[in-house]
Structures are given as structure tokens and as C-alpha cells.
Amino acid sequence: MTAEELMERYASGERDFTGIELQYVRLNRVVLSGANFNGANLRGIFLVDSDLAGSTLRQANLVDSTLTNVNFQNADLTEADLSCADLDHSILREATLVGAQIYQASLRGACLAYANLRGADMGQAGVDGADFTHADLRDAFLKEVAFEADLSYADFRGAETWDNIEAIFTPGILCNTLLPDGRIRNDDC
């Protein structure tokens, strides 16, 4: 499928793009909200300033993709592979990223408030300035992540850090934040 074909089919009302192959294409400033991209191979896609709110991307391959300033609010990215993706300044508010691979991804300035990242692999992800307010990161893998982000009311219980807990969370904003060991930090309330 080509980018042009995708946009034509979406414009005609089609929303099911399950399993499509659309790698290394540019789709800037597009609206694909509510679309189904389950199992799609979108590796290396360049999708900037776009709207995918409410879309379903379960088990989609988004490795090495540029997804800056994209609206993924309420999107389902369960078990999606976002490794090495650039999600800077994207909106993932209330998105579902359960079991997602977010390894070495960039989430700088992204909004992940109320997102479900349970069991996600966020190893070496860049999260400076991100908003994780009320996010669920229980059982997530957080190897070499320094949370210079808003972690107010976030739940990290059971998360695996491999690093010193204090070093990971100290740079962040902590208010009623549940740490991996179950302690609550209120440094910034």
C-alpha cells in the first residue's frame, strides 16, 4: 500500500488497515483518528503533526519511526514496538501501551498522563520534560531511565529498574508517587 492509497481509503470512510505494510513513508499533518492498524508494519514511518486519537495499533511495528507532535490520545498501542521511535511532544494521554516495546525511544516533552504502560519496556528511553501524571507503570522495565519528568500520582509498583531507585526518580517531580518498592514519595507536593 502507498501513502496516497491509505489517505484515499481513509477519506472514503475505510478505517480497517489491519496488517498493512507501509514502511519508510512520509505522512505529515494527516488525520487518521479511529483507524485500525493492528499488526501493521509501519517501520520507519515519518508521521509528524498528525492525529491518531482513538486509533488501534496493537502489535504494530513502529521501530525507528518519527512520530513527533502526534496525537495518540486514547489510542491502543498494546504490545506495539516503538523501539528507537521519536515521540517527542506527542500526546499519549490515556493511551494503552501495555507490554509495548519503547526501548531507546524518545518521549521528551510528551504527555503520558493517565497512560497505561504496565509491563512496557522503556529501557534507555529519553523522558526529559514528559508528563507521567497518574500513569500506570506497574511491572515496567526501566533500565537506565532517568525520570526528569512529572511523576505525580504515577504508579511504579513492581517496576524493574536495575539501577538505584533514588537516582532514577530524584530528578523528577514526585507527589504521591508510588515507587517500585511500594514506598510513596511526596518530595514536591
Protein backbone atom coordinates (compact mmCIF):
# COMPACT_ATOMS: atom_id res chain seq x y z
CA MET A 1 0.00 0.00 0.00
CA THR A 2 1.19 3.53 -0.73
CA ALA A 3 0.68 6.60 1.45
CA GLU A 4 -1.64 8.06 -1.19
CA GLU A 5 -3.77 4.90 -1.26
CA LEU A 6 -4.03 4.90 2.54
CA MET A 7 -5.22 8.50 2.60
CA GLU A 8 -7.73 7.91 -0.24
CA ARG A 9 -9.18 4.87 1.51
CA TYR A 10 -9.38 6.71 4.84
CA ALA A 11 -11.09 9.70 3.14
CA SER A 12 -13.67 7.32 1.64
CA GLY A 13 -14.56 6.06 5.13
CA GLU A 14 -12.43 2.95 5.47
CA ARG A 15 -10.88 2.55 8.93
CA ASP A 16 -9.56 -1.04 8.97
CA PHE A 17 -5.93 -1.19 7.87
CA THR A 18 -5.03 -4.33 9.83
CA GLY A 19 -1.65 -5.78 8.89
CA ILE A 20 -0.77 -3.26 6.18
CA GLU A 21 2.82 -2.77 5.04
CA LEU A 22 3.70 0.93 4.87
CA GLN A 23 7.36 1.41 5.71
CA TYR A 24 9.59 4.48 5.46
CA VAL A 25 6.95 6.82 4.04
CA ARG A 26 6.16 10.44 4.90
CA LEU A 27 2.68 11.32 6.15
CA ASN A 28 2.79 14.78 7.72
CA ARG A 29 -0.18 16.64 9.14
CA VAL A 30 -2.69 13.86 8.47
CA VAL A 31 -5.81 12.79 10.33
CA LEU A 32 -6.15 9.03 10.84
CA SER A 33 -8.12 9.09 14.09
CA GLY A 34 -10.08 5.97 14.91
CA ALA A 35 -8.21 3.84 12.36
CA ASN A 36 -7.24 0.22 12.99
CA PHE A 37 -3.58 -0.52 12.32
CA ASN A 38 -3.36 -3.73 14.36
CA GLY A 39 -0.32 -5.77 13.34
CA ALA A 40 0.67 -3.18 10.73
CA ASN A 41 4.28 -2.80 9.67
CA LEU A 42 4.87 0.95 9.84
CA ARG A 43 8.59 0.73 10.46
CA GLY A 44 10.44 3.99 9.85
CA ILE A 45 7.26 5.93 9.07
CA PHE A 46 7.58 9.71 9.22
CA LEU A 47 4.32 10.90 10.77
CA VAL A 48 4.63 14.41 12.19
CA ASP A 49 1.96 16.81 13.49
CA SER A 50 -0.75 14.21 12.89
CA ASP A 51 -3.90 12.97 14.64
CA LEU A 52 -4.29 9.29 15.51
CA ALA A 53 -6.53 9.81 18.54
CA GLY A 54 -8.53 6.70 19.37
CA SER A 55 -6.65 4.60 16.82
CA THR A 56 -5.74 0.98 17.42
CA LEU A 57 -2.14 -0.05 16.79
CA ARG A 58 -1.94 -3.30 18.75
CA GLN A 59 1.29 -5.18 17.94
CA ALA A 60 2.14 -2.62 15.25
CA ASN A 61 5.77 -2.24 14.20
CA LEU A 62 6.77 1.42 14.61
CA VAL A 63 10.51 0.83 15.09
CA ASP A 64 12.70 3.80 14.10
CA SER A 65 9.64 5.93 13.30
CA THR A 66 9.41 9.70 13.61
CA LEU A 67 6.16 10.39 15.45
CA THR A 68 6.76 13.87 16.85
CA ASN A 69 3.85 16.00 17.92
CA VAL A 70 1.31 13.24 17.14
CA ASN A 71 -1.99 13.00 18.98
CA PHE A 72 -2.31 9.41 20.24
CA GLN A 73 -4.86 10.28 22.94
CA ASN A 74 -6.91 7.19 23.88
CA ALA A 75 -5.02 5.13 21.28
CA ASP A 76 -4.38 1.43 21.89
CA LEU A 77 -0.71 0.60 21.36
CA THR A 78 -0.76 -2.65 23.32
CA GLU A 79 2.41 -4.65 22.58
CA ALA A 80 3.38 -2.20 19.82
CA ASP A 81 7.08 -1.95 19.04
CA LEU A 82 8.15 1.68 19.37
CA SER A 83 11.84 0.91 19.86
CA CYS A 84 14.07 3.82 18.82
CA ALA A 85 11.00 5.86 17.81
CA ASP A 86 10.89 9.64 18.21
CA LEU A 87 7.70 10.53 20.09
CA ASP A 88 8.86 13.95 21.31
CA HIS A 89 5.99 16.27 22.26
CA SER A 90 3.37 13.68 21.34
CA ILE A 91 0.12 13.31 23.24
CA LEU A 92 -0.33 9.81 24.65
CA ARG A 93 -2.83 10.87 27.31
CA GLU A 94 -4.97 7.90 28.38
CA ALA A 95 -3.26 5.72 25.76
CA THR A 96 -2.82 2.00 26.35
CA LEU A 97 0.79 0.85 25.94
CA VAL A 98 0.59 -2.38 27.93
CA GLY A 99 3.60 -4.56 27.12
CA ALA A 100 4.82 -2.09 24.49
CA GLN A 101 8.48 -2.01 23.47
CA ILE A 102 9.60 1.60 23.99
CA TYR A 103 13.28 0.72 24.26
CA GLN A 104 15.59 3.65 23.42
CA ALA A 105 12.63 5.75 22.29
CA SER A 106 12.50 9.49 22.81
CA LEU A 107 9.50 10.83 24.73
CA ARG A 108 10.87 14.26 25.56
CA GLY A 109 8.09 16.69 26.38
CA ALA A 110 5.43 14.04 25.66
CA CYS A 111 2.17 13.86 27.61
CA LEU A 112 1.58 10.38 29.05
CA ALA A 113 -0.87 11.47 31.75
CA TYR A 114 -3.21 8.63 32.72
CA ALA A 115 -1.47 6.31 30.21
CA ASN A 116 -1.31 2.59 30.91
CA LEU A 117 2.31 1.48 30.44
CA ARG A 118 2.01 -1.65 32.52
CA GLY A 119 4.79 -4.10 31.66
CA ALA A 120 6.21 -1.80 28.97
CA ASP A 121 9.95 -1.96 28.22
CA MET A 122 11.20 1.62 28.50
CA GLY A 123 14.88 0.78 28.83
CA GLN A 124 17.13 3.72 27.94
CA ALA A 125 14.15 5.86 26.88
CA GLY A 126 14.58 9.63 26.94
CA VAL A 127 11.80 11.19 29.00
CA ASP A 128 13.05 14.67 29.88
CA GLY A 129 10.14 17.03 30.49
CA ALA A 130 7.48 14.36 29.91
CA ASP A 131 4.24 14.27 31.89
CA PHE A 132 3.56 10.90 33.55
CA THR A 133 0.90 12.26 35.93
CA HIS A 134 -1.37 9.39 37.07
CA ALA A 135 0.37 6.98 34.64
CA ASP A 136 0.36 3.26 35.41
CA LEU A 137 3.91 1.90 35.04
CA ARG A 138 3.49 -1.17 37.22
CA ASP A 139 5.82 -4.00 36.27
CA ALA A 140 7.51 -1.84 33.59
CA PHE A 141 11.17 -2.31 32.68
CA LEU A 142 13.04 0.93 33.34
CA LYS A 143 16.70 0.12 32.78
CA GLU A 144 18.84 3.27 32.53
CA VAL A 145 15.93 5.72 32.53
CA ALA A 146 16.28 8.99 34.45
CA PHE A 147 12.84 10.44 35.04
CA GLU A 148 13.33 14.19 34.72
CA ALA A 149 9.58 14.37 34.33
CA ASP A 150 6.36 14.97 36.22
CA LEU A 151 5.68 11.71 38.06
CA SER A 152 2.88 12.99 40.29
CA TYR A 153 0.49 10.19 41.25
CA ALA A 154 2.27 7.73 38.92
CA ASP A 155 2.36 4.08 39.98
CA PHE A 156 5.69 2.27 39.53
CA ARG A 157 4.99 -0.68 41.85
CA GLY A 158 6.84 -3.80 40.76
CA ALA A 159 8.78 -1.99 38.04
CA GLU A 160 12.27 -3.35 37.36
CA THR A 161 14.91 -0.66 37.43
CA TRP A 162 18.31 -2.43 37.59
CA ASP A 163 19.57 0.93 38.86
CA ASN A 164 19.46 2.82 42.14
CA ILE A 165 15.83 3.79 42.73
CA GLU A 166 16.79 7.14 44.21
CA ALA A 167 18.91 8.06 41.18
CA ILE A 168 16.11 7.25 38.73
CA PHE A 169 13.34 9.18 40.44
CA THR A 170 15.14 12.04 42.22
CA PRO A 171 15.29 14.37 39.18
CA GLY A 172 11.52 14.07 38.65
CA ILE A 173 8.54 15.80 40.23
CA LEU A 174 7.31 13.44 42.91
CA CYS A 175 3.92 13.90 44.56
CA ASN A 176 2.09 10.81 45.80
CA THR A 177 4.33 8.78 43.50
CA LEU A 178 4.35 5.03 44.17
CA LEU A 179 7.90 3.69 43.77
CA PRO A 180 8.77 0.13 42.66
CA ASP A 181 9.27 -0.97 46.26
CA GLY A 182 5.83 0.38 47.28
CA ARG A 183 7.08 3.48 49.07
CA ILE A 184 5.30 6.76 48.41
CA ARG A 185 7.39 9.84 47.60
CA ASN A 186 5.99 13.31 48.22
CA ASP A 187 9.07 15.45 47.63
CA ASP A 188 7.29 18.05 45.52
CA CYS A 189 3.73 18.23 46.89
